[in-house]
All heavy atoms as atom14 arrays in JSON, in Angstrom:
{
  "sequence": "GIGWSPDERTMYFVDSTALTVFAFDYDLSTGTPTGRRVLARTAEPL",
  "atom14_mask": [
    [1, 1, 1, 1, 0, 0, 0, 0, 0, 0, 0, 0, 0, 0],
    [1, 1, 1, 1, 1, 1, 1, 1, 0, 0, 0, 0, 0, 0],
    [1, 1, 1, 1, 0, 0, 0, 0, 0, 0, 0, 0, 0, 0],
    [1, 1, 1, 1, 1, 1, 1, 1, 1, 1, 1, 1, 1, 1],
    [1, 1, 1, 1, 1, 1, 0, 0, 0, 0, 0, 0, 0, 0],
    [1, 1, 1, 1, 1, 1, 1, 0, 0, 0, 0, 0, 0, 0],
    [1, 1, 1, 1, 1, 1, 1, 1, 0, 0, 0, 0, 0, 0],
    [1, 1, 1, 1, 1, 1, 1, 1, 1, 0, 0, 0, 0, 0],
    [1, 1, 1, 1, 1, 1, 1, 1, 1, 1, 1, 0, 0, 0],
    [1, 1, 1, 1, 1, 1, 1, 0, 0, 0, 0, 0, 0, 0],
    [1, 1, 1, 1, 1, 1, 1, 1, 0, 0, 0, 0, 0, 0],
    [1, 1, 1, 1, 1, 1, 1, 1, 1, 1, 1, 1, 0, 0],
    [1, 1, 1, 1, 1, 1, 1, 1, 1, 1, 1, 0, 0, 0],
    [1, 1, 1, 1, 1, 1, 1, 0, 0, 0, 0, 0, 0, 0],
    [1, 1, 1, 1, 1, 1, 1, 1, 0, 0, 0, 0, 0, 0],
    [1, 1, 1, 1, 1, 1, 0, 0, 0, 0, 0, 0, 0, 0],
    [1, 1, 1, 1, 1, 1, 1, 0, 0, 0, 0, 0, 0, 0],
    [1, 1, 1, 1, 1, 0, 0, 0, 0, 0, 0, 0, 0, 0],
    [1, 1, 1, 1, 1, 1, 1, 1, 0, 0, 0, 0, 0, 0],
    [1, 1, 1, 1, 1, 1, 1, 0, 0, 0, 0, 0, 0, 0],
    [1, 1, 1, 1, 1, 1, 1, 0, 0, 0, 0, 0, 0, 0],
    [1, 1, 1, 1, 1, 1, 1, 1, 1, 1, 1, 0, 0, 0],
    [1, 1, 1, 1, 1, 0, 0, 0, 0, 0, 0, 0, 0, 0],
    [1, 1, 1, 1, 1, 1, 1, 1, 1, 1, 1, 0, 0, 0],
    [1, 1, 1, 1, 1, 1, 1, 1, 0, 0, 0, 0, 0, 0],
    [1, 1, 1, 1, 1, 1, 1, 1, 1, 1, 1, 1, 0, 0],
    [1, 1, 1, 1, 1, 1, 1, 1, 0, 0, 0, 0, 0, 0],
    [1, 1, 1, 1, 1, 1, 1, 1, 0, 0, 0, 0, 0, 0],
    [1, 1, 1, 1, 1, 1, 0, 0, 0, 0, 0, 0, 0, 0],
    [1, 1, 1, 1, 1, 1, 1, 0, 0, 0, 0, 0, 0, 0],
    [1, 1, 1, 1, 0, 0, 0, 0, 0, 0, 0, 0, 0, 0],
    [1, 1, 1, 1, 1, 1, 1, 0, 0, 0, 0, 0, 0, 0],
    [1, 1, 1, 1, 1, 1, 1, 0, 0, 0, 0, 0, 0, 0],
    [1, 1, 1, 1, 1, 1, 1, 0, 0, 0, 0, 0, 0, 0],
    [1, 1, 1, 1, 0, 0, 0, 0, 0, 0, 0, 0, 0, 0],
    [1, 1, 1, 1, 1, 1, 1, 1, 1, 1, 1, 0, 0, 0],
    [1, 1, 1, 1, 1, 1, 1, 1, 1, 1, 1, 0, 0, 0],
    [1, 1, 1, 1, 1, 1, 1, 0, 0, 0, 0, 0, 0, 0],
    [1, 1, 1, 1, 1, 1, 1, 1, 0, 0, 0, 0, 0, 0],
    [1, 1, 1, 1, 1, 0, 0, 0, 0, 0, 0, 0, 0, 0],
    [1, 1, 1, 1, 1, 1, 1, 1, 1, 1, 1, 0, 0, 0],
    [1, 1, 1, 1, 1, 1, 1, 0, 0, 0, 0, 0, 0, 0],
    [1, 1, 1, 1, 1, 0, 0, 0, 0, 0, 0, 0, 0, 0],
    [1, 1, 1, 1, 1, 1, 1, 1, 1, 0, 0, 0, 0, 0],
    [1, 1, 1, 1, 1, 1, 1, 0, 0, 0, 0, 0, 0, 0],
    [1, 1, 1, 1, 1, 1, 1, 1, 0, 0, 0, 0, 0, 0]
  ],
  "atom14_positions": [
    [[-1.67, 8.37, -2.96], [-0.67, 8.36, -1.91], [0.28, 7.18, -1.96], [-0.07, 6.04, -2.27], [0.0, 0.0, 0.0], [0.0, 0.0, 0.0], [0.0, 0.0, 0.0], [0.0, 0.0, 0.0], [0.0, 0.0, 0.0], [0.0, 0.0, 0.0], [0.0, 0.0, 0.0], [0.0, 0.0, 0.0], [0.0, 0.0, 0.0], [0.0, 0.0, 0.0]],
    [[1.57, 7.46, -1.66], [2.65, 6.48, -1.65], [3.45, 6.68, -0.37], [3.75, 7.82, 0.0], [3.56, 6.62, -2.84], [2.77, 6.56, -4.17], [4.69, 5.58, -2.83], [3.53, 7.09, -5.36], [0.0, 0.0, 0.0], [0.0, 0.0, 0.0], [0.0, 0.0, 0.0], [0.0, 0.0, 0.0], [0.0, 0.0, 0.0], [0.0, 0.0, 0.0]],
    [[3.81, 5.6, 0.32], [4.63, 5.73, 1.5], [5.14, 4.38, 1.99], [4.81, 3.33, 1.4], [0.0, 0.0, 0.0], [0.0, 0.0, 0.0], [0.0, 0.0, 0.0], [0.0, 0.0, 0.0], [0.0, 0.0, 0.0], [0.0, 0.0, 0.0], [0.0, 0.0, 0.0], [0.0, 0.0, 0.0], [0.0, 0.0, 0.0], [0.0, 0.0, 0.0]],
    [[5.98, 4.4, 3.03], [6.61, 3.18, 3.55], [6.54, 3.17, 5.07], [6.51, 4.23, 5.71], [8.08, 3.12, 3.1], [8.27, 2.9, 1.65], [8.46, 1.7, 1.02], [8.28, 3.89, 0.64], [8.57, 1.87, -0.33], [8.46, 3.22, -0.62], [8.16, 5.28, 0.62], [8.51, 3.91, -1.83], [8.21, 5.96, -0.58], [8.38, 5.27, -1.79]],
    [[6.56, 1.98, 5.61], [6.68, 1.8, 7.03], [8.07, 2.27, 7.52], [8.97, 2.45, 6.69], [6.49, 0.34, 7.42], [7.49, -0.47, 6.78], [0.0, 0.0, 0.0], [0.0, 0.0, 0.0], [0.0, 0.0, 0.0], [0.0, 0.0, 0.0], [0.0, 0.0, 0.0], [0.0, 0.0, 0.0], [0.0, 0.0, 0.0], [0.0, 0.0, 0.0]],
    [[8.24, 2.55, 8.79], [9.54, 3.04, 9.25], [10.7, 2.13, 8.89], [11.81, 2.64, 8.6], [9.35, 3.11, 10.78], [7.9, 3.39, 10.95], [7.22, 2.57, 9.87], [0.0, 0.0, 0.0], [0.0, 0.0, 0.0], [0.0, 0.0, 0.0], [0.0, 0.0, 0.0], [0.0, 0.0, 0.0], [0.0, 0.0, 0.0], [0.0, 0.0, 0.0]],
    [[10.5, 0.82, 8.86], [11.59, -0.08, 8.47], [11.64, -0.33, 6.99], [12.52, -1.13, 6.51], [11.5, -1.41, 9.27], [10.23, -2.19, 8.94], [9.46, -1.8, 8.08], [9.98, -3.21, 9.63], [0.0, 0.0, 0.0], [0.0, 0.0, 0.0], [0.0, 0.0, 0.0], [0.0, 0.0, 0.0], [0.0, 0.0, 0.0], [0.0, 0.0, 0.0]],
    [[10.75, 0.25, 6.23], [10.65, 0.11, 4.77], [10.45, -1.3, 4.3], [10.74, -1.65, 3.15], [11.86, 0.76, 4.08], [11.82, 2.28, 4.15], [12.95, 2.94, 3.38], [14.06, 3.05, 3.93], [12.7, 3.32, 2.22], [0.0, 0.0, 0.0], [0.0, 0.0, 0.0], [0.0, 0.0, 0.0], [0.0, 0.0, 0.0], [0.0, 0.0, 0.0]],
    [[9.9, -2.12, 5.14], [9.55, -3.48, 4.75], [8.13, -3.56, 4.2], [7.72, -4.59, 3.66], [9.74, -4.46, 5.92], [11.18, -4.54, 6.38], [11.37, -5.45, 7.55], [11.0, -6.84, 7.23], [11.05, -7.85, 8.12], [11.4, -7.59, 9.36], [10.71, -9.08, 7.78], [0.0, 0.0, 0.0], [0.0, 0.0, 0.0], [0.0, 0.0, 0.0]],
    [[7.4, -2.48, 4.36], [6.03, -2.39, 3.82], [5.86, -1.12, 3.04], [6.27, -0.06, 3.51], [4.98, -2.42, 4.97], [5.17, -3.61, 5.73], [3.56, -2.4, 4.39], [0.0, 0.0, 0.0], [0.0, 0.0, 0.0], [0.0, 0.0, 0.0], [0.0, 0.0, 0.0], [0.0, 0.0, 0.0], [0.0, 0.0, 0.0], [0.0, 0.0, 0.0]],
    [[5.3, -1.22, 1.85], [4.99, -0.07, 1.01], [3.49, 0.11, 0.97], [2.74, -0.88, 0.88], [5.55, -0.27, -0.39], [5.28, 0.87, -1.36], [6.06, 0.56, -2.95], [5.47, 1.99, -3.89], [0.0, 0.0, 0.0], [0.0, 0.0, 0.0], [0.0, 0.0, 0.0], [0.0, 0.0, 0.0], [0.0, 0.0, 0.0], [0.0, 0.0, 0.0]],
    [[3.02, 1.37, 1.01], [1.59, 1.68, 0.94], [1.32, 2.47, -0.36], [2.14, 3.24, -0.82], [1.19, 2.5, 2.14], [1.4, 1.81, 3.45], [2.49, 2.15, 4.26], [0.58, 0.77, 3.85], [2.69, 1.49, 5.45], [0.79, 0.09, 5.04], [1.86, 0.46, 5.85], [2.09, -0.2, 7.02], [0.0, 0.0, 0.0], [0.0, 0.0, 0.0]],
    [[0.14, 2.21, -0.93], [-0.23, 2.87, -2.19], [-1.74, 2.96, -2.24], [-2.45, 2.01, -1.91], [0.27, 2.07, -3.37], [-0.27, 2.49, -4.72], [0.05, 3.74, -5.23], [-1.14, 1.67, -5.4], [-0.5, 4.16, -6.44], [-1.67, 2.07, -6.62], [-1.36, 3.3, -7.15], [0.0, 0.0, 0.0], [0.0, 0.0, 0.0], [0.0, 0.0, 0.0]],
    [[-2.22, 4.12, -2.7], [-3.64, 4.37, -2.78], [-4.07, 4.41, -4.25], [-3.47, 5.11, -5.07], [-4.01, 5.73, -2.14], [-5.48, 6.08, -2.44], [-3.82, 5.67, -0.63], [0.0, 0.0, 0.0], [0.0, 0.0, 0.0], [0.0, 0.0, 0.0], [0.0, 0.0, 0.0], [0.0, 0.0, 0.0], [0.0, 0.0, 0.0], [0.0, 0.0, 0.0]],
    [[-5.14, 3.64, -4.59], [-5.86, 3.81, -5.83], [-7.22, 4.35, -5.44], [-8.07, 3.58, -4.93], [-5.98, 2.51, -6.6], [-6.43, 2.72, -8.05], [-6.9, 3.83, -8.34], [-6.34, 1.77, -8.86], [0.0, 0.0, 0.0], [0.0, 0.0, 0.0], [0.0, 0.0, 0.0], [0.0, 0.0, 0.0], [0.0, 0.0, 0.0], [0.0, 0.0, 0.0]],
    [[-7.43, 5.66, -5.64], [-8.57, 6.32, -5.02], [-9.92, 5.75, -5.45], [-10.81, 5.56, -4.66], [-8.51, 7.82, -5.29], [-7.39, 8.4, -4.67], [0.0, 0.0, 0.0], [0.0, 0.0, 0.0], [0.0, 0.0, 0.0], [0.0, 0.0, 0.0], [0.0, 0.0, 0.0], [0.0, 0.0, 0.0], [0.0, 0.0, 0.0], [0.0, 0.0, 0.0]],
    [[-10.07, 5.56, -6.75], [-11.38, 5.13, -7.22], [-11.67, 3.7, -6.82], [-12.84, 3.27, -6.86], [-11.49, 5.26, -8.77], [-10.41, 4.59, -9.4], [-11.5, 6.74, -9.16], [0.0, 0.0, 0.0], [0.0, 0.0, 0.0], [0.0, 0.0, 0.0], [0.0, 0.0, 0.0], [0.0, 0.0, 0.0], [0.0, 0.0, 0.0], [0.0, 0.0, 0.0]],
    [[-10.68, 2.95, -6.42], [-10.92, 1.62, -5.85], [-11.23, 1.7, -4.38], [-11.52, 0.67, -3.73], [-9.67, 0.74, -6.04], [0.0, 0.0, 0.0], [0.0, 0.0, 0.0], [0.0, 0.0, 0.0], [0.0, 0.0, 0.0], [0.0, 0.0, 0.0], [0.0, 0.0, 0.0], [0.0, 0.0, 0.0], [0.0, 0.0, 0.0], [0.0, 0.0, 0.0]],
    [[-11.23, 2.93, -3.81], [-11.56, 3.19, -2.4], [-10.67, 2.42, -1.47], [-11.09, 2.05, -0.37], [-13.05, 2.83, -2.13], [-14.07, 3.52, -3.02], [-15.46, 2.93, -2.74], [-14.08, 5.05, -2.75], [0.0, 0.0, 0.0], [0.0, 0.0, 0.0], [0.0, 0.0, 0.0], [0.0, 0.0, 0.0], [0.0, 0.0, 0.0], [0.0, 0.0, 0.0]],
    [[-9.41, 2.18, -1.88], [-8.55, 1.25, -1.16], [-7.16, 1.8, -0.92], [-6.54, 2.41, -1.84], [-8.42, -0.06, -1.97], [-9.73, -0.61, -2.17], [-7.6, -1.09, -1.24], [0.0, 0.0, 0.0], [0.0, 0.0, 0.0], [0.0, 0.0, 0.0], [0.0, 0.0, 0.0], [0.0, 0.0, 0.0], [0.0, 0.0, 0.0], [0.0, 0.0, 0.0]],
    [[-6.67, 1.59, 0.25], [-5.25, 1.75, 0.56], [-4.64, 0.36, 0.57], [-5.02, -0.5, 1.33], [-5.04, 2.41, 1.96], [-3.56, 2.63, 2.22], [-5.84, 3.7, 2.09], [0.0, 0.0, 0.0], [0.0, 0.0, 0.0], [0.0, 0.0, 0.0], [0.0, 0.0, 0.0], [0.0, 0.0, 0.0], [0.0, 0.0, 0.0], [0.0, 0.0, 0.0]],
    [[-3.68, 0.15, -0.35], [-3.03, -1.16, -0.47], [-1.69, -1.18, 0.31], [-1.06, -0.14, 0.5], [-2.72, -1.46, -1.9], [-3.92, -1.69, -2.8], [-4.38, -0.7, -3.63], [-4.62, -2.88, -2.75], [-5.49, -0.87, -4.44], [-5.73, -3.1, -3.55], [-6.18, -2.06, -4.39], [0.0, 0.0, 0.0], [0.0, 0.0, 0.0], [0.0, 0.0, 0.0]],
    [[-1.34, -2.35, 0.74], [-0.03, -2.57, 1.39], [0.69, -3.66, 0.58], [0.05, -4.58, 0.03], [-0.2, -3.0, 2.84], [0.0, 0.0, 0.0], [0.0, 0.0, 0.0], [0.0, 0.0, 0.0], [0.0, 0.0, 0.0], [0.0, 0.0, 0.0], [0.0, 0.0, 0.0], [0.0, 0.0, 0.0], [0.0, 0.0, 0.0], [0.0, 0.0, 0.0]],
    [[2.03, -3.57, 0.49], [2.86, -4.54, -0.2], [4.03, -4.86, 0.7], [4.5, -4.02, 1.49], [3.45, -3.94, -1.49], [2.45, -3.5, -2.51], [1.82, -2.28, -2.41], [2.19, -4.27, -3.62], [0.91, -1.84, -3.37], [1.31, -3.88, -4.59], [0.65, -2.65, -4.47], [0.0, 0.0, 0.0], [0.0, 0.0, 0.0], [0.0, 0.0, 0.0]],
    [[4.57, -6.06, 0.58], [5.9, -6.35, 1.12], [6.88, -5.63, 0.21], [6.76, -5.66, -1.01], [6.16, -7.86, 1.1], [5.18, -8.62, 1.98], [4.86, -8.13, 3.07], [4.74, -9.68, 1.56], [0.0, 0.0, 0.0], [0.0, 0.0, 0.0], [0.0, 0.0, 0.0], [0.0, 0.0, 0.0], [0.0, 0.0, 0.0], [0.0, 0.0, 0.0]],
    [[7.89, -4.99, 0.79], [8.85, -4.2, 0.02], [10.25, -4.64, 0.23], [10.75, -4.76, 1.37], [8.68, -2.7, 0.39], [9.43, -1.78, -0.55], [9.03, -1.67, -1.86], [10.51, -0.99, -0.12], [9.69, -0.81, -2.74], [11.18, -0.15, -0.98], [10.75, -0.03, -2.3], [11.41, 0.77, -3.17], [0.0, 0.0, 0.0], [0.0, 0.0, 0.0]],
    [[10.94, -4.91, -0.89], [12.37, -5.22, -0.86], [13.16, -3.98, -1.21], [13.22, -3.59, -2.37], [12.66, -6.35, -1.9], [14.1, -6.84, -1.86], [14.95, -6.11, -1.31], [14.36, -7.92, -2.35], [0.0, 0.0, 0.0], [0.0, 0.0, 0.0], [0.0, 0.0, 0.0], [0.0, 0.0, 0.0], [0.0, 0.0, 0.0], [0.0, 0.0, 0.0]],
    [[13.72, -3.34, -0.21], [14.42, -2.09, -0.39], [15.65, -2.26, -1.3], [16.01, -1.34, -2.03], [14.82, -1.49, 0.95], [15.59, -0.14, 0.9], [14.73, 0.93, 0.26], [16.03, 0.26, 2.32], [0.0, 0.0, 0.0], [0.0, 0.0, 0.0], [0.0, 0.0, 0.0], [0.0, 0.0, 0.0], [0.0, 0.0, 0.0], [0.0, 0.0, 0.0]],
    [[16.29, -3.45, -1.24], [17.51, -3.66, -2.02], [17.26, -3.62, -3.52], [18.11, -3.21, -4.3], [18.17, -4.96, -1.62], [17.35, -6.03, -1.96], [0.0, 0.0, 0.0], [0.0, 0.0, 0.0], [0.0, 0.0, 0.0], [0.0, 0.0, 0.0], [0.0, 0.0, 0.0], [0.0, 0.0, 0.0], [0.0, 0.0, 0.0], [0.0, 0.0, 0.0]],
    [[16.06, -4.02, -3.92], [15.74, -4.06, -5.36], [14.64, -3.06, -5.74], [14.39, -2.85, -6.92], [15.29, -5.47, -5.77], [14.08, -5.8, -5.03], [16.38, -6.48, -5.48], [0.0, 0.0, 0.0], [0.0, 0.0, 0.0], [0.0, 0.0, 0.0], [0.0, 0.0, 0.0], [0.0, 0.0, 0.0], [0.0, 0.0, 0.0], [0.0, 0.0, 0.0]],
    [[13.97, -2.5, -4.76], [12.86, -1.62, -5.06], [11.67, -2.36, -5.61], [10.98, -1.87, -6.5], [0.0, 0.0, 0.0], [0.0, 0.0, 0.0], [0.0, 0.0, 0.0], [0.0, 0.0, 0.0], [0.0, 0.0, 0.0], [0.0, 0.0, 0.0], [0.0, 0.0, 0.0], [0.0, 0.0, 0.0], [0.0, 0.0, 0.0], [0.0, 0.0, 0.0]],
    [[11.39, -3.54, -5.03], [10.32, -4.4, -5.55], [9.21, -4.58, -4.55], [9.44, -5.15, -3.46], [10.88, -5.76, -5.97], [11.95, -5.57, -6.89], [9.81, -6.62, -6.59], [0.0, 0.0, 0.0], [0.0, 0.0, 0.0], [0.0, 0.0, 0.0], [0.0, 0.0, 0.0], [0.0, 0.0, 0.0], [0.0, 0.0, 0.0], [0.0, 0.0, 0.0]],
    [[7.96, -4.21, -4.88], [6.83, -4.49, -4.02], [6.17, -5.8, -4.45], [6.0, -6.07, -5.66], [5.9, -3.29, -4.22], [6.21, -2.82, -5.59], [7.63, -3.24, -5.91], [0.0, 0.0, 0.0], [0.0, 0.0, 0.0], [0.0, 0.0, 0.0], [0.0, 0.0, 0.0], [0.0, 0.0, 0.0], [0.0, 0.0, 0.0], [0.0, 0.0, 0.0]],
    [[5.8, -6.64, -3.52], [5.13, -7.91, -3.8], [4.02, -8.12, -2.77], [3.94, -7.43, -1.73], [6.1, -9.07, -3.76], [6.74, -9.12, -2.46], [7.15, -8.98, -4.82], [0.0, 0.0, 0.0], [0.0, 0.0, 0.0], [0.0, 0.0, 0.0], [0.0, 0.0, 0.0], [0.0, 0.0, 0.0], [0.0, 0.0, 0.0], [0.0, 0.0, 0.0]],
    [[3.17, -9.12, -3.01], [2.16, -9.51, -2.02], [1.14, -8.44, -1.73], [0.89, -8.15, -0.58], [0.0, 0.0, 0.0], [0.0, 0.0, 0.0], [0.0, 0.0, 0.0], [0.0, 0.0, 0.0], [0.0, 0.0, 0.0], [0.0, 0.0, 0.0], [0.0, 0.0, 0.0], [0.0, 0.0, 0.0], [0.0, 0.0, 0.0], [0.0, 0.0, 0.0]],
    [[0.57, -7.89, -2.78], [-0.41, -6.81, -2.58], [-1.62, -7.3, -1.75], [-2.11, -8.39, -1.96], [-0.92, -6.28, -3.9], [-1.94, -5.16, -3.75], [-2.23, -4.42, -5.02], [-2.83, -5.25, -6.06], [-3.35, -4.74, -7.2], [-3.26, -3.41, -7.44], [-3.86, -5.54, -8.1], [0.0, 0.0, 0.0], [0.0, 0.0, 0.0], [0.0, 0.0, 0.0]],
    [[-2.03, -6.46, -0.8], [-3.17, -6.78, 0.06], [-3.84, -5.45, 0.45], [-3.33, -4.38, 0.21], [-2.66, -7.53, 1.31], [-1.62, -6.75, 2.1], [-0.91, -7.65, 3.11], [0.1, -6.94, 3.86], [1.38, -6.79, 3.44], [1.77, -7.28, 2.25], [2.27, -6.18, 4.21], [0.0, 0.0, 0.0], [0.0, 0.0, 0.0], [0.0, 0.0, 0.0]],
    [[-4.98, -5.57, 1.02], [-5.77, -4.37, 1.42], [-5.43, -3.99, 2.84], [-5.51, -4.85, 3.74], [-7.28, -4.66, 1.3], [-8.1, -3.54, 1.89], [-7.69, -4.91, -0.15], [0.0, 0.0, 0.0], [0.0, 0.0, 0.0], [0.0, 0.0, 0.0], [0.0, 0.0, 0.0], [0.0, 0.0, 0.0], [0.0, 0.0, 0.0], [0.0, 0.0, 0.0]],
    [[-5.01, -2.74, 3.02], [-4.85, -2.23, 4.38], [-6.17, -1.65, 4.87], [-6.59, -1.96, 5.98], [-3.79, -1.12, 4.43], [-3.62, -0.43, 5.8], [-2.83, -1.38, 6.71], [-2.98, 0.92, 5.69], [0.0, 0.0, 0.0], [0.0, 0.0, 0.0], [0.0, 0.0, 0.0], [0.0, 0.0, 0.0], [0.0, 0.0, 0.0], [0.0, 0.0, 0.0]],
    [[-6.82, -0.85, 4.03], [-8.08, -0.24, 4.41], [-8.94, -0.02, 3.18], [-8.42, 0.45, 2.13], [-7.83, 1.08, 5.15], [0.0, 0.0, 0.0], [0.0, 0.0, 0.0], [0.0, 0.0, 0.0], [0.0, 0.0, 0.0], [0.0, 0.0, 0.0], [0.0, 0.0, 0.0], [0.0, 0.0, 0.0], [0.0, 0.0, 0.0], [0.0, 0.0, 0.0]],
    [[-10.2, -0.28, 3.3], [-11.15, 0.01, 2.23], [-12.36, 0.69, 2.88], [-12.84, 0.26, 3.9], [-11.58, -1.27, 1.51], [-12.54, -1.05, 0.37], [-12.82, -2.31, -0.39], [-11.69, -2.65, -1.28], [-11.2, -3.88, -1.45], [-11.66, -4.9, -0.72], [-10.18, -4.06, -2.27], [0.0, 0.0, 0.0], [0.0, 0.0, 0.0], [0.0, 0.0, 0.0]],
    [[-12.86, 1.75, 2.22], [-13.98, 2.51, 2.77], [-15.14, 2.55, 1.76], [-14.93, 2.39, 0.56], [-13.55, 3.97, 3.08], [-12.95, 4.52, 1.9], [-12.56, 4.01, 4.21], [0.0, 0.0, 0.0], [0.0, 0.0, 0.0], [0.0, 0.0, 0.0], [0.0, 0.0, 0.0], [0.0, 0.0, 0.0], [0.0, 0.0, 0.0], [0.0, 0.0, 0.0]],
    [[-16.3, 2.77, 2.25], [-17.45, 2.98, 1.43], [-17.41, 4.36, 0.81], [-16.95, 5.31, 1.44], [-18.75, 2.8, 2.2], [0.0, 0.0, 0.0], [0.0, 0.0, 0.0], [0.0, 0.0, 0.0], [0.0, 0.0, 0.0], [0.0, 0.0, 0.0], [0.0, 0.0, 0.0], [0.0, 0.0, 0.0], [0.0, 0.0, 0.0], [0.0, 0.0, 0.0]],
    [[-17.88, 4.53, -0.43], [-17.77, 5.8, -1.12], [-18.39, 6.97, -0.38], [-17.83, 8.08, -0.4], [-18.39, 5.68, -2.52], [-18.1, 6.87, -3.4], [-18.44, 6.66, -4.83], [-18.77, 5.5, -5.21], [-18.33, 7.58, -5.63], [0.0, 0.0, 0.0], [0.0, 0.0, 0.0], [0.0, 0.0, 0.0], [0.0, 0.0, 0.0], [0.0, 0.0, 0.0]],
    [[-19.52, 6.82, 0.33], [-20.04, 7.98, 1.07], [-19.07, 8.54, 2.12], [-19.25, 9.68, 2.56], [-21.32, 7.41, 1.74], [-21.72, 6.28, 0.86], [-20.44, 5.68, 0.37], [0.0, 0.0, 0.0], [0.0, 0.0, 0.0], [0.0, 0.0, 0.0], [0.0, 0.0, 0.0], [0.0, 0.0, 0.0], [0.0, 0.0, 0.0], [0.0, 0.0, 0.0]],
    [[-18.09, 7.77, 2.51], [-17.1, 8.24, 3.5], [-15.95, 8.97, 2.84], [-15.04, 9.44, 3.55], [-16.57, 7.05, 4.32], [-17.6, 6.3, 5.16], [-16.96, 5.13, 5.87], [-18.27, 7.23, 6.17], [0.0, 0.0, 0.0], [0.0, 0.0, 0.0], [0.0, 0.0, 0.0], [0.0, 0.0, 0.0], [0.0, 0.0, 0.0], [0.0, 0.0, 0.0]]
  ]
}
């Protein structure tokens, strides 16, 4: 999954096998995501 916050200052990206939804700071003018961090991480049984 890939998406953006309503103001497009945050980009979201899923790497499924890492069980993680990542968030990035997003520069719309250049299309550059930086500052990767975890938005949500779940245990595999979930």
